[in-house]
Structure formats: C-alpha cells, structure tokens
Amino acid sequence: MTDPTTQEIRKRQKHRARIMALLLVAFAVLVFGITIAKLGLAT
C-alpha cells in the first residue's frame, strides 16, 4: 500500500491535470469562436 505522501501527490497531479484539460478546452472554444466571428464578418 502507498503512504499518505504518495497519495497526496497523486491527488494533486490529478487535480492539476483536470485544470489543464479545462483550460485546453476553453482555449479551443475561444479559438473556434474567434474563427467563426471572423468568417461571419468576412461574408
């Protein structure tokens, strides 16, 4: 069995990974929205 420090490290890594995933999705949505807005203005 793992000691509490290893469990705590894994918990923090998982939390950090979720935050990074959310930021990546937010960035993709932002880029998509800007692209759609620019295409809409061009026509």
N, C-alpha and C. Protein backbone atom coordinates (compact mmCIF):
# COMPACT_ATOMS: atom_id res chain seq x y z
N MET A 1 0.85 -1.19 0.00
CA MET A 1 0.00 0.00 0.00
C MET A 1 0.89 1.25 0.00
N THR A 2 0.36 2.32 -0.59
CA THR A 2 1.16 3.55 -0.68
C THR A 2 1.02 4.38 0.58
N ASP A 3 2.03 5.15 0.86
CA ASP A 3 1.99 6.02 2.02
C ASP A 3 1.19 7.29 1.70
N PRO A 4 0.76 8.03 2.73
CA PRO A 4 -0.08 9.23 2.50
C PRO A 4 0.57 10.28 1.61
N THR A 5 1.88 10.40 1.65
CA THR A 5 2.51 11.43 0.83
C THR A 5 2.36 11.11 -0.65
N THR A 6 2.50 9.84 -1.02
CA THR A 6 2.33 9.44 -2.41
C THR A 6 0.88 9.64 -2.85
N GLN A 7 -0.04 9.30 -1.99
CA GLN A 7 -1.46 9.50 -2.31
C GLN A 7 -1.76 10.98 -2.50
N GLU A 8 -1.18 11.81 -1.65
CA GLU A 8 -1.41 13.25 -1.75
C GLU A 8 -0.81 13.81 -3.05
N ILE A 9 0.35 13.31 -3.42
CA ILE A 9 0.98 13.76 -4.67
C ILE A 9 0.11 13.36 -5.86
N ARG A 10 -0.37 12.14 -5.87
CA ARG A 10 -1.25 11.68 -6.97
C ARG A 10 -2.53 12.52 -7.05
N LYS A 11 -3.08 12.85 -5.89
CA LYS A 11 -4.30 13.66 -5.84
C LYS A 11 -4.05 15.04 -6.45
N ARG A 12 -2.89 15.64 -6.10
CA ARG A 12 -2.56 16.95 -6.66
C ARG A 12 -2.31 16.87 -8.16
N GLN A 13 -1.66 15.80 -8.61
CA GLN A 13 -1.40 15.63 -10.04
C GLN A 13 -2.71 15.49 -10.81
N LYS A 14 -3.64 14.74 -10.26
CA LYS A 14 -4.94 14.54 -10.91
C LYS A 14 -5.70 15.86 -10.98
N HIS A 15 -5.65 16.62 -9.91
CA HIS A 15 -6.33 17.92 -9.87
C HIS A 15 -5.72 18.87 -10.91
N ARG A 16 -4.39 18.89 -10.98
CA ARG A 16 -3.69 19.75 -11.94
C ARG A 16 -4.02 19.33 -13.38
N ALA A 17 -4.12 18.03 -13.62
CA ALA A 17 -4.44 17.53 -14.96
C ALA A 17 -5.85 17.97 -15.36
N ARG A 18 -6.79 17.94 -14.43
CA ARG A 18 -8.17 18.38 -14.74
C ARG A 18 -8.20 19.86 -15.07
N ILE A 19 -7.46 20.67 -14.32
CA ILE A 19 -7.41 22.10 -14.59
C ILE A 19 -6.82 22.36 -15.97
N MET A 20 -5.74 21.66 -16.31
CA MET A 20 -5.12 21.83 -17.62
C MET A 20 -6.08 21.41 -18.74
N ALA A 21 -6.82 20.35 -18.53
CA ALA A 21 -7.80 19.90 -19.52
C ALA A 21 -8.89 20.96 -19.73
N LEU A 22 -9.37 21.52 -18.64
CA LEU A 22 -10.39 22.57 -18.74
C LEU A 22 -9.85 23.81 -19.46
N LEU A 23 -8.62 24.18 -19.17
CA LEU A 23 -8.02 25.33 -19.84
C LEU A 23 -7.84 25.06 -21.33
N LEU A 24 -7.45 23.85 -21.68
CA LEU A 24 -7.28 23.49 -23.08
C LEU A 24 -8.61 23.55 -23.82
N VAL A 25 -9.67 23.03 -23.21
CA VAL A 25 -11.00 23.08 -23.83
C VAL A 25 -11.45 24.53 -23.97
N ALA A 26 -11.22 25.35 -22.95
CA ALA A 26 -11.61 26.76 -23.01
C ALA A 26 -10.86 27.48 -24.13
N PHE A 27 -9.58 27.17 -24.29
CA PHE A 27 -8.79 27.79 -25.35
C PHE A 27 -9.32 27.37 -26.73
N ALA A 28 -9.64 26.09 -26.88
CA ALA A 28 -10.16 25.60 -28.16
C ALA A 28 -11.49 26.27 -28.49
N VAL A 29 -12.36 26.43 -27.50
CA VAL A 29 -13.64 27.10 -27.72
C VAL A 29 -13.42 28.56 -28.09
N LEU A 30 -12.48 29.21 -27.43
CA LEU A 30 -12.16 30.60 -27.73
C LEU A 30 -11.67 30.75 -29.17
N VAL A 31 -10.73 29.90 -29.58
CA VAL A 31 -10.21 29.96 -30.94
C VAL A 31 -11.33 29.68 -31.95
N PHE A 32 -12.16 28.69 -31.66
CA PHE A 32 -13.28 28.38 -32.55
C PHE A 32 -14.23 29.57 -32.66
N GLY A 33 -14.54 30.20 -31.53
CA GLY A 33 -15.44 31.35 -31.55
C GLY A 33 -14.87 32.52 -32.34
N ILE A 34 -13.59 32.78 -32.17
CA ILE A 34 -12.95 33.86 -32.92
C ILE A 34 -12.97 33.55 -34.40
N THR A 35 -12.68 32.30 -34.76
CA THR A 35 -12.69 31.91 -36.17
C THR A 35 -14.08 32.09 -36.78
N ILE A 36 -15.10 31.66 -36.08
CA ILE A 36 -16.47 31.79 -36.59
C ILE A 36 -16.82 33.27 -36.71
N ALA A 37 -16.43 34.08 -35.76
CA ALA A 37 -16.74 35.51 -35.81
C ALA A 37 -16.05 36.16 -37.00
N LYS A 38 -14.80 35.80 -37.25
CA LYS A 38 -14.08 36.39 -38.39
C LYS A 38 -14.68 35.94 -39.71
N LEU A 39 -15.07 34.67 -39.79
CA LEU A 39 -15.70 34.18 -41.02
C LEU A 39 -17.05 34.86 -41.23
N GLY A 40 -17.76 35.09 -40.17
CA GLY A 40 -19.06 35.77 -40.25
C GLY A 40 -18.92 37.20 -40.71
N LEU A 41 -17.86 37.87 -40.29
CA LEU A 41 -17.64 39.26 -40.68
C LEU A 41 -17.15 39.37 -42.13
N ALA A 42 -16.49 38.34 -42.62
CA ALA A 42 -15.92 38.38 -43.98
C ALA A 42 -16.98 38.24 -45.04
N THR A 43 -18.09 37.62 -44.74
CA THR A 43 -19.13 37.40 -45.77
C THR A 43 -20.16 38.49 -45.76
